[in-house]
Amino acid sequence: MNQDWEERVAALWARFDDYAEEEEGEARFRAEVDALVAELPEGSPLGVFEQACAWDSTGRSDNAVPLYQEALKRGLADVSAYKTRRTKIQLASSLRNIGRAEEGIALLTPELDAPSDELDDPVRATLALCLSSAGRDREALSLALGALAPHLPRYQRSMANYARLLVEPEEPPEG
């Protein structure tokens, strides 16, 4: 879409906190998203992406999941690599919220090898939550510490090593 539409979407999201955390305000917010989406060409992946975000942000992961999946199916990757990565992060989080953490893990694990960008840490944080929800707490902690380590003023190397050791197989004792 054009820059004007993107700016109006961003402005609506900037006002998100103005919508009370009650069903009426959340419904009004989703209706405003729907009005912006109605301006898009039929079948636009951007529209279902924004609708998924609106449902997700108003606490309805169950409604968001199929919309995120539809955005990917409609070719969001051809429109925006950045929004595609956001979709994967948010979809994985929503899957986790509805008890499907393993699907979130499968969706985000390949993102660890994707080209680096500002979403690397959110990928790792969300994947860590999915891993923990799946009962894989050591892997989750390892991932979270590994993501945190580069941001520390000191102890980066130590924390990165501790993160690695949490998931490396233990050496059997000799003898």
N, C-alpha and C. Protein backbone atom coordinates (compact mmCIF):
# COMPACT_ATOMS: atom_id res chain seq x y z
N MET A 1 0.86 -1.18 0.00
CA MET A 1 0.00 0.00 0.00
C MET A 1 0.89 1.23 0.00
N ASN A 2 0.30 2.38 0.07
CA ASN A 2 1.09 3.61 0.01
C ASN A 2 1.50 4.08 1.40
N GLN A 3 2.40 5.02 1.41
CA GLN A 3 2.96 5.53 2.66
C GLN A 3 1.89 6.17 3.54
N ASP A 4 0.93 6.87 2.93
CA ASP A 4 -0.14 7.50 3.70
C ASP A 4 -0.92 6.44 4.50
N TRP A 5 -1.26 5.33 3.87
CA TRP A 5 -1.99 4.27 4.55
C TRP A 5 -1.15 3.71 5.70
N GLU A 6 0.11 3.44 5.44
CA GLU A 6 1.01 2.92 6.48
C GLU A 6 1.10 3.89 7.66
N GLU A 7 1.16 5.18 7.38
CA GLU A 7 1.23 6.18 8.44
C GLU A 7 -0.05 6.22 9.26
N ARG A 8 -1.20 6.07 8.60
CA ARG A 8 -2.46 6.07 9.33
C ARG A 8 -2.59 4.81 10.20
N VAL A 9 -2.09 3.69 9.69
CA VAL A 9 -2.08 2.46 10.50
C VAL A 9 -1.17 2.66 11.72
N ALA A 10 0.01 3.21 11.49
CA ALA A 10 0.95 3.45 12.59
C ALA A 10 0.34 4.41 13.62
N ALA A 11 -0.37 5.43 13.15
CA ALA A 11 -1.00 6.39 14.06
C ALA A 11 -2.09 5.72 14.89
N LEU A 12 -2.85 4.83 14.28
CA LEU A 12 -3.87 4.10 15.03
C LEU A 12 -3.22 3.24 16.10
N TRP A 13 -2.16 2.53 15.75
CA TRP A 13 -1.47 1.70 16.74
C TRP A 13 -0.84 2.55 17.85
N ALA A 14 -0.41 3.75 17.52
CA ALA A 14 0.17 4.65 18.53
C ALA A 14 -0.89 5.06 19.56
N ARG A 15 -2.15 5.03 19.16
CA ARG A 15 -3.26 5.38 20.06
C ARG A 15 -3.88 4.14 20.73
N PHE A 16 -3.28 2.99 20.54
CA PHE A 16 -3.87 1.75 21.04
C PHE A 16 -4.22 1.83 22.53
N ASP A 17 -3.37 2.42 23.33
CA ASP A 17 -3.61 2.50 24.77
C ASP A 17 -4.81 3.39 25.13
N ASP A 18 -5.27 4.19 24.17
CA ASP A 18 -6.45 5.02 24.42
C ASP A 18 -7.73 4.18 24.45
N TYR A 19 -7.66 3.00 23.94
CA TYR A 19 -8.81 2.11 23.92
C TYR A 19 -8.79 1.30 25.21
N ALA A 20 -9.77 1.53 26.04
CA ALA A 20 -9.80 0.88 27.36
C ALA A 20 -9.70 -0.64 27.19
N GLU A 21 -9.11 -1.26 28.17
CA GLU A 21 -8.99 -2.71 28.14
C GLU A 21 -10.32 -3.35 28.55
N GLU A 22 -11.33 -2.99 27.82
CA GLU A 22 -12.64 -3.59 28.00
C GLU A 22 -13.16 -3.92 26.62
N GLU A 23 -14.10 -4.81 26.56
CA GLU A 23 -14.57 -5.34 25.27
C GLU A 23 -15.04 -4.23 24.33
N GLU A 24 -15.72 -3.24 24.84
CA GLU A 24 -16.25 -2.17 23.98
C GLU A 24 -15.11 -1.39 23.30
N GLY A 25 -14.12 -0.99 24.08
CA GLY A 25 -12.99 -0.26 23.51
C GLY A 25 -12.18 -1.11 22.55
N GLU A 26 -11.99 -2.37 22.91
CA GLU A 26 -11.23 -3.27 22.04
C GLU A 26 -11.98 -3.50 20.73
N ALA A 27 -13.30 -3.64 20.81
CA ALA A 27 -14.10 -3.82 19.60
C ALA A 27 -14.02 -2.57 18.72
N ARG A 28 -14.04 -1.41 19.34
CA ARG A 28 -13.92 -0.15 18.58
C ARG A 28 -12.57 -0.07 17.88
N PHE A 29 -11.50 -0.48 18.58
CA PHE A 29 -10.17 -0.48 17.96
C PHE A 29 -10.15 -1.42 16.75
N ARG A 30 -10.67 -2.64 16.92
CA ARG A 30 -10.68 -3.59 15.81
C ARG A 30 -11.51 -3.07 14.64
N ALA A 31 -12.59 -2.37 14.94
CA ALA A 31 -13.42 -1.78 13.87
C ALA A 31 -12.64 -0.72 13.10
N GLU A 32 -11.83 0.06 13.80
CA GLU A 32 -11.01 1.06 13.12
C GLU A 32 -9.94 0.40 12.25
N VAL A 33 -9.38 -0.70 12.73
CA VAL A 33 -8.44 -1.46 11.90
C VAL A 33 -9.17 -1.98 10.67
N ASP A 34 -10.36 -2.54 10.87
CA ASP A 34 -11.14 -3.07 9.74
C ASP A 34 -11.43 -1.98 8.71
N ALA A 35 -11.70 -0.77 9.17
CA ALA A 35 -11.98 0.34 8.24
C ALA A 35 -10.75 0.65 7.39
N LEU A 36 -9.59 0.63 7.99
CA LEU A 36 -8.36 0.85 7.22
C LEU A 36 -8.11 -0.30 6.26
N VAL A 37 -8.36 -1.50 6.70
CA VAL A 37 -8.16 -2.69 5.86
C VAL A 37 -9.09 -2.65 4.65
N ALA A 38 -10.29 -2.10 4.83
CA ALA A 38 -11.26 -2.03 3.74
C ALA A 38 -10.75 -1.16 2.58
N GLU A 39 -9.76 -0.33 2.83
CA GLU A 39 -9.18 0.51 1.78
C GLU A 39 -8.22 -0.26 0.88
N LEU A 40 -7.80 -1.43 1.33
CA LEU A 40 -6.81 -2.21 0.58
C LEU A 40 -7.46 -3.00 -0.54
N PRO A 41 -6.68 -3.36 -1.54
CA PRO A 41 -7.22 -4.23 -2.58
C PRO A 41 -7.64 -5.58 -1.99
N GLU A 42 -8.66 -6.17 -2.58
CA GLU A 42 -9.14 -7.49 -2.15
C GLU A 42 -7.99 -8.49 -2.14
N GLY A 43 -7.91 -9.26 -1.07
CA GLY A 43 -6.88 -10.30 -0.98
C GLY A 43 -5.52 -9.83 -0.50
N SER A 44 -5.39 -8.57 -0.09
CA SER A 44 -4.11 -8.06 0.37
C SER A 44 -3.67 -8.77 1.65
N PRO A 45 -2.43 -9.26 1.69
CA PRO A 45 -1.94 -9.88 2.91
C PRO A 45 -1.76 -8.88 4.05
N LEU A 46 -1.58 -7.61 3.71
CA LEU A 46 -1.42 -6.58 4.74
C LEU A 46 -2.68 -6.44 5.59
N GLY A 47 -3.83 -6.57 4.96
CA GLY A 47 -5.08 -6.43 5.68
C GLY A 47 -5.26 -7.49 6.75
N VAL A 48 -5.08 -8.75 6.36
CA VAL A 48 -5.26 -9.80 7.36
C VAL A 48 -4.16 -9.76 8.41
N PHE A 49 -2.97 -9.29 8.03
CA PHE A 49 -1.91 -9.10 9.03
C PHE A 49 -2.35 -8.10 10.09
N GLU A 50 -2.85 -6.94 9.67
CA GLU A 50 -3.28 -5.92 10.62
C GLU A 50 -4.46 -6.40 11.47
N GLN A 51 -5.38 -7.14 10.86
CA GLN A 51 -6.51 -7.68 11.62
C GLN A 51 -6.02 -8.70 12.65
N ALA A 52 -5.07 -9.53 12.26
CA ALA A 52 -4.51 -10.50 13.21
C ALA A 52 -3.87 -9.78 14.38
N CYS A 53 -3.11 -8.74 14.09
CA CYS A 53 -2.46 -7.96 15.14
C CYS A 53 -3.50 -7.37 16.09
N ALA A 54 -4.59 -6.87 15.53
CA ALA A 54 -5.63 -6.26 16.35
C ALA A 54 -6.29 -7.29 17.27
N TRP A 55 -6.61 -8.46 16.73
CA TRP A 55 -7.19 -9.51 17.58
C TRP A 55 -6.19 -9.94 18.65
N ASP A 56 -4.95 -10.11 18.24
CA ASP A 56 -3.90 -10.56 19.15
C ASP A 56 -3.70 -9.55 20.28
N SER A 57 -3.62 -8.29 19.92
CA SER A 57 -3.34 -7.25 20.91
C SER A 57 -4.51 -7.00 21.85
N THR A 58 -5.68 -7.47 21.48
CA THR A 58 -6.85 -7.34 22.35
C THR A 58 -7.15 -8.67 23.05
N GLY A 59 -6.14 -9.53 23.11
CA GLY A 59 -6.24 -10.73 23.92
C GLY A 59 -6.96 -11.90 23.30
N ARG A 60 -7.11 -11.91 21.99
CA ARG A 60 -7.84 -12.99 21.33
C ARG A 60 -6.92 -13.74 20.36
N SER A 61 -5.96 -14.43 20.95
CA SER A 61 -5.01 -15.22 20.15
C SER A 61 -5.73 -16.25 19.28
N ASP A 62 -6.84 -16.78 19.78
CA ASP A 62 -7.58 -17.79 19.03
C ASP A 62 -8.09 -17.23 17.69
N ASN A 63 -8.48 -15.97 17.66
CA ASN A 63 -8.92 -15.35 16.41
C ASN A 63 -7.75 -14.88 15.56
N ALA A 64 -6.64 -14.58 16.21
CA ALA A 64 -5.47 -14.06 15.49
C ALA A 64 -4.77 -15.15 14.68
N VAL A 65 -4.68 -16.36 15.22
CA VAL A 65 -3.91 -17.43 14.57
C VAL A 65 -4.30 -17.65 13.12
N PRO A 66 -5.58 -17.88 12.81
CA PRO A 66 -5.91 -18.13 11.40
C PRO A 66 -5.64 -16.93 10.50
N LEU A 67 -5.74 -15.72 11.05
CA LEU A 67 -5.47 -14.52 10.25
C LEU A 67 -3.98 -14.38 9.96
N TYR A 68 -3.13 -14.65 10.94
CA TYR A 68 -1.69 -14.64 10.68
C TYR A 68 -1.35 -15.67 9.61
N GLN A 69 -1.93 -16.85 9.74
CA GLN A 69 -1.66 -17.91 8.76
C GLN A 69 -2.13 -17.50 7.37
N GLU A 70 -3.26 -16.83 7.30
CA GLU A 70 -3.78 -16.35 6.02
C GLU A 70 -2.87 -15.28 5.41
N ALA A 71 -2.34 -14.39 6.24
CA ALA A 71 -1.43 -13.36 5.74
C ALA A 71 -0.21 -14.01 5.08
N LEU A 72 0.33 -15.03 5.72
CA LEU A 72 1.48 -15.73 5.14
C LEU A 72 1.08 -16.44 3.85
N LYS A 73 -0.07 -17.08 3.87
CA LYS A 73 -0.56 -17.81 2.69
C LYS A 73 -0.79 -16.87 1.49
N ARG A 74 -1.25 -15.66 1.79
CA ARG A 74 -1.54 -14.69 0.72
C ARG A 74 -0.29 -14.03 0.16
N GLY A 75 0.88 -14.33 0.71
CA GLY A 75 2.11 -13.80 0.14
C GLY A 75 2.66 -12.57 0.83
N LEU A 76 2.49 -12.48 2.12
CA LEU A 76 3.04 -11.34 2.85
C LEU A 76 4.54 -11.20 2.60
N ALA A 77 5.23 -12.33 2.43
CA ALA A 77 6.68 -12.29 2.19
C ALA A 77 7.01 -11.51 0.92
N ASP A 78 6.11 -11.49 -0.05
CA ASP A 78 6.34 -10.74 -1.29
C ASP A 78 6.15 -9.24 -1.09
N VAL A 79 5.45 -8.87 -0.01
CA VAL A 79 5.13 -7.48 0.26
C VAL A 79 6.11 -6.86 1.26
N SER A 80 6.43 -7.63 2.32
CA SER A 80 7.27 -7.09 3.38
C SER A 80 7.96 -8.22 4.14
N ALA A 81 9.27 -8.31 3.99
CA ALA A 81 10.04 -9.31 4.74
C ALA A 81 9.96 -9.01 6.24
N TYR A 82 9.98 -7.74 6.58
CA TYR A 82 9.93 -7.33 7.99
C TYR A 82 8.61 -7.76 8.62
N LYS A 83 7.48 -7.47 7.96
CA LYS A 83 6.18 -7.85 8.51
C LYS A 83 6.00 -9.37 8.50
N THR A 84 6.64 -10.03 7.58
CA THR A 84 6.60 -11.49 7.59
C THR A 84 7.27 -12.03 8.84
N ARG A 85 8.40 -11.47 9.18
CA ARG A 85 9.10 -11.93 10.39
C ARG A 85 8.28 -11.58 11.63
N ARG A 86 7.71 -10.40 11.65
CA ARG A 86 6.82 -10.04 12.76
C ARG A 86 5.66 -11.02 12.86
N THR A 87 5.10 -11.39 11.71
CA THR A 87 3.98 -12.33 11.71
C THR A 87 4.39 -13.65 12.33
N LYS A 88 5.57 -14.13 11.98
CA LYS A 88 6.02 -15.40 12.54
C LYS A 88 6.21 -15.32 14.05
N ILE A 89 6.75 -14.21 14.52
CA ILE A 89 6.93 -14.02 15.96
C ILE A 89 5.57 -14.00 16.65
N GLN A 90 4.68 -13.19 16.14
CA GLN A 90 3.37 -13.01 16.77
C GLN A 90 2.52 -14.27 16.65
N LEU A 91 2.61 -14.96 15.52
CA LEU A 91 1.88 -16.21 15.34
C LEU A 91 2.39 -17.25 16.33
N ALA A 92 3.70 -17.36 16.48
CA ALA A 92 4.26 -18.32 17.43
C ALA A 92 3.79 -18.01 18.85
N SER A 93 3.77 -16.74 19.21
CA SER A 93 3.29 -16.35 20.53
C SER A 93 1.82 -16.72 20.71
N SER A 94 1.02 -16.45 19.69
CA SER A 94 -0.40 -16.78 19.77
C SER A 94 -0.62 -18.29 19.83
N LEU A 95 0.15 -19.03 19.05
CA LEU A 95 0.05 -20.49 19.12
C LEU A 95 0.36 -20.98 20.52
N ARG A 96 1.38 -20.42 21.12
CA ARG A 96 1.74 -20.77 22.50
C ARG A 96 0.58 -20.46 23.44
N ASN A 97 -0.04 -19.29 23.25
CA ASN A 97 -1.13 -18.88 24.12
C ASN A 97 -2.33 -19.81 24.05
N ILE A 98 -2.51 -20.48 22.93
CA ILE A 98 -3.67 -21.38 22.79
C ILE A 98 -3.26 -22.84 22.93
N GLY A 99 -2.08 -23.07 23.51
CA GLY A 99 -1.66 -24.43 23.83
C GLY A 99 -0.99 -25.20 22.71
N ARG A 100 -0.49 -24.50 21.71
CA ARG A 100 0.16 -25.14 20.58
C ARG A 100 1.61 -24.68 20.45
N ALA A 101 2.32 -24.75 21.58
CA ALA A 101 3.70 -24.25 21.65
C ALA A 101 4.63 -24.97 20.66
N GLU A 102 4.44 -26.24 20.45
CA GLU A 102 5.31 -26.99 19.52
C GLU A 102 5.24 -26.40 18.12
N GLU A 103 4.08 -25.96 17.70
CA GLU A 103 3.94 -25.33 16.38
C GLU A 103 4.71 -24.00 16.35
N GLY A 104 4.68 -23.28 17.46
CA GLY A 104 5.44 -22.03 17.57
C GLY A 104 6.93 -22.29 17.47
N ILE A 105 7.38 -23.37 18.11
CA ILE A 105 8.79 -23.74 18.04
C ILE A 105 9.18 -24.06 16.60
N ALA A 106 8.36 -24.84 15.93
CA ALA A 106 8.65 -25.20 14.54
C ALA A 106 8.67 -23.97 13.63
N LEU A 107 7.83 -23.01 13.90
CA LEU A 107 7.76 -21.79 13.09
C LEU A 107 8.97 -20.89 13.32
N LEU A 108 9.41 -20.77 14.57
CA LEU A 108 10.48 -19.81 14.88
C LEU A 108 11.89 -20.38 14.79
N THR A 109 12.06 -21.66 14.95
CA THR A 109 13.42 -22.22 14.92
C THR A 109 14.18 -21.83 13.65
N PRO A 110 13.58 -21.90 12.47
CA PRO A 110 14.32 -21.47 11.27
C PRO A 110 14.71 -19.99 11.29
N GLU A 111 13.96 -19.19 12.04
CA GLU A 111 14.27 -17.76 12.12
C GLU A 111 15.59 -17.49 12.83
N LEU A 112 16.10 -18.45 13.59
CA LEU A 112 17.40 -18.28 14.23
C LEU A 112 18.51 -18.16 13.20
N ASP A 113 18.29 -18.73 12.01
CA ASP A 113 19.29 -18.68 10.94
C ASP A 113 18.95 -17.66 9.86
N ALA A 114 17.88 -16.89 10.06
CA ALA A 114 17.49 -15.87 9.09
C ALA A 114 18.46 -14.70 9.14
N PRO A 115 18.50 -13.89 8.09
CA PRO A 115 19.35 -12.70 8.13
C PRO A 115 19.02 -11.85 9.36
N SER A 116 20.05 -11.35 10.00
CA SER A 116 19.91 -10.62 11.25
C SER A 116 19.22 -9.27 11.03
N ASP A 117 18.36 -8.92 11.98
CA ASP A 117 17.73 -7.60 11.98
C ASP A 117 17.31 -7.27 13.41
N GLU A 118 16.58 -6.20 13.59
CA GLU A 118 16.17 -5.76 14.92
C GLU A 118 15.18 -6.72 15.59
N LEU A 119 14.68 -7.70 14.86
CA LEU A 119 13.74 -8.65 15.42
C LEU A 119 14.41 -9.92 15.95
N ASP A 120 15.75 -9.97 15.90
CA ASP A 120 16.44 -11.17 16.40
C ASP A 120 16.10 -11.46 17.86
N ASP A 121 16.15 -10.46 18.71
CA ASP A 121 15.86 -10.68 20.13
C ASP A 121 14.40 -11.07 20.36
N PRO A 122 13.43 -10.41 19.71
CA PRO A 122 12.05 -10.88 19.87
C PRO A 122 11.85 -12.33 19.40
N VAL A 123 12.55 -12.72 18.33
CA VAL A 123 12.47 -14.11 17.88
C VAL A 123 12.93 -15.02 19.01
N ARG A 124 14.08 -14.72 19.58
CA ARG A 124 14.64 -15.56 20.64
C ARG A 124 13.77 -15.55 21.90
N ALA A 125 13.26 -14.40 22.27
CA ALA A 125 12.41 -14.31 23.47
C ALA A 125 11.13 -15.13 23.29
N THR A 126 10.51 -15.01 22.14
CA THR A 126 9.28 -15.74 21.89
C THR A 126 9.55 -17.24 21.78
N LEU A 127 10.63 -17.58 21.12
CA LEU A 127 11.00 -19.00 21.02
C LEU A 127 11.29 -19.56 22.41
N ALA A 128 11.95 -18.79 23.27
CA ALA A 128 12.23 -19.24 24.64
C ALA A 128 10.91 -19.50 25.39
N LEU A 129 9.94 -18.63 25.22
CA LEU A 129 8.64 -18.86 25.86
C LEU A 129 7.98 -20.12 25.34
N CYS A 130 8.04 -20.32 24.03
CA CYS A 130 7.45 -21.54 23.44
C CYS A 130 8.16 -22.79 23.97
N LEU A 131 9.48 -22.73 24.02
CA LEU A 131 10.24 -23.87 24.54
C LEU A 131 9.86 -24.17 25.99
N SER A 132 9.75 -23.14 26.80
CA SER A 132 9.38 -23.33 28.19
C SER A 132 7.98 -23.93 28.30
N SER A 133 7.05 -23.43 27.51
CA SER A 133 5.69 -23.97 27.53
C SER A 133 5.65 -25.43 27.09
N ALA A 134 6.61 -25.82 26.29
CA ALA A 134 6.70 -27.21 25.83
C ALA A 134 7.51 -28.07 26.81
N GLY A 135 7.88 -27.51 27.96
CA GLY A 135 8.62 -28.27 28.95
C GLY A 135 10.10 -28.38 28.68
N ARG A 136 10.62 -27.51 27.85
CA ARG A 136 12.03 -27.53 27.48
C ARG A 136 12.73 -26.31 28.08
N ASP A 137 12.68 -26.25 29.42
CA ASP A 137 13.16 -25.07 30.14
C ASP A 137 14.65 -24.81 29.99
N ARG A 138 15.48 -25.85 29.96
CA ARG A 138 16.93 -25.61 29.81
C ARG A 138 17.23 -24.97 28.45
N GLU A 139 16.57 -25.44 27.41
CA GLU A 139 16.76 -24.83 26.09
C GLU A 139 16.26 -23.39 26.09
N ALA A 140 15.15 -23.17 26.75
CA ALA A 140 14.59 -21.81 26.82
C ALA A 140 15.53 -20.87 27.55
N LEU A 141 16.05 -21.32 28.68
CA LEU A 141 16.99 -20.48 29.43
C LEU A 141 18.26 -20.24 28.63
N SER A 142 18.74 -21.25 27.96
CA SER A 142 19.94 -21.10 27.13
C SER A 142 19.72 -20.04 26.05
N LEU A 143 18.59 -20.12 25.41
CA LEU A 143 18.28 -19.16 24.34
C LEU A 143 18.15 -17.75 24.90
N ALA A 144 17.47 -17.61 26.03
CA ALA A 144 17.30 -16.28 26.63
C ALA A 144 18.63 -15.70 27.09
N LEU A 145 19.47 -16.51 27.75
CA LEU A 145 20.79 -16.02 28.17
C LEU A 145 21.66 -15.66 26.96
N GLY A 146 21.60 -16.49 25.94
CA GLY A 146 22.37 -16.21 24.72
C GLY A 146 21.95 -14.91 24.06
N ALA A 147 20.67 -14.61 24.09
CA ALA A 147 20.17 -13.36 23.52
C ALA A 147 20.55 -12.16 24.39
N LEU A 148 20.56 -12.37 25.70
CA LEU A 148 20.88 -11.30 26.63
C LEU A 148 22.37 -10.97 26.66
N ALA A 149 23.19 -11.96 26.52
CA ALA A 149 24.64 -11.80 26.70
C ALA A 149 25.24 -10.62 25.93
N PRO A 150 24.96 -10.44 24.66
CA PRO A 150 25.59 -9.32 23.93
C PRO A 150 25.20 -7.93 24.46
N HIS A 151 24.12 -7.84 25.22
CA HIS A 151 23.65 -6.56 25.71
C HIS A 151 24.21 -6.20 27.09
N LEU A 152 24.91 -7.12 27.71
CA LEU A 152 25.45 -6.89 29.04
C LEU A 152 26.70 -6.01 28.98
N PRO A 153 26.90 -5.14 29.98
CA PRO A 153 28.09 -4.29 29.97
C PRO A 153 29.36 -5.08 30.27
N ARG A 154 29.23 -6.22 30.93
CA ARG A 154 30.34 -7.10 31.25
C ARG A 154 29.82 -8.53 31.22
N TYR A 155 30.71 -9.47 31.24
CA TYR A 155 30.37 -10.90 31.34
C TYR A 155 29.72 -11.48 30.08
N GLN A 156 29.85 -10.81 28.95
CA GLN A 156 29.25 -11.31 27.72
C GLN A 156 29.73 -12.73 27.39
N ARG A 157 31.04 -12.92 27.43
CA ARG A 157 31.60 -14.22 27.07
C ARG A 157 31.18 -15.29 28.08
N SER A 158 31.22 -14.97 29.36
CA SER A 158 30.82 -15.94 30.38
C SER A 158 29.36 -16.35 30.21
N MET A 159 28.49 -15.39 30.04
CA MET A 159 27.06 -15.70 29.89
C MET A 159 26.80 -16.49 28.61
N ALA A 160 27.48 -16.14 27.53
CA ALA A 160 27.32 -16.90 26.29
C ALA A 160 27.78 -18.35 26.49
N ASN A 161 28.88 -18.55 27.22
CA ASN A 161 29.34 -19.91 27.50
C ASN A 161 28.37 -20.66 28.39
N TYR A 162 27.85 -20.00 29.42
CA TYR A 162 26.87 -20.64 30.30
C TYR A 162 25.62 -21.04 29.49
N ALA A 163 25.21 -20.18 28.60
CA ALA A 163 24.05 -20.48 27.76
C ALA A 163 24.31 -21.73 26.92
N ARG A 164 25.49 -21.81 26.33
CA ARG A 164 25.85 -22.96 25.51
C ARG A 164 25.90 -24.23 26.34
N LEU A 165 26.48 -24.14 27.54
CA LEU A 165 26.62 -25.33 28.39
C LEU A 165 25.28 -25.88 28.88
N LEU A 166 24.26 -25.03 28.93
CA LEU A 166 22.94 -25.51 29.35
C LEU A 166 22.36 -26.55 28.40
N VAL A 167 22.77 -26.51 27.15
CA VAL A 167 22.18 -27.43 26.16
C VAL A 167 23.18 -28.42 25.56
N GLU A 168 24.46 -28.23 25.84
CA GLU A 168 25.44 -29.19 25.35
C GLU A 168 25.34 -30.48 26.14
N PRO A 169 25.50 -31.60 25.47
CA PRO A 169 25.48 -32.87 26.22
C PRO A 169 26.66 -32.92 27.19
N GLU A 170 26.40 -33.46 28.35
CA GLU A 170 27.47 -33.58 29.35
C GLU A 170 28.46 -34.64 28.92
N GLU A 171 29.72 -34.37 29.20
CA GLU A 171 30.79 -35.34 28.93
C GLU A 171 30.72 -36.46 29.96
N PRO A 172 30.72 -37.70 29.52
CA PRO A 172 30.70 -38.78 30.51
C PRO A 172 32.04 -38.80 31.26
N PRO A 173 31.99 -39.15 32.54
CA PRO A 173 33.24 -39.19 33.30
C PRO A 173 34.16 -40.29 32.75
N GLU A 174 35.44 -40.00 32.77
CA GLU A 174 36.41 -40.99 32.27
C GLU A 174 36.67 -42.03 33.34
N GLY A 175 36.96 -43.24 32.88
CA GLY A 175 37.38 -44.24 33.84
C GLY A 175 36.49 -45.36 33.83
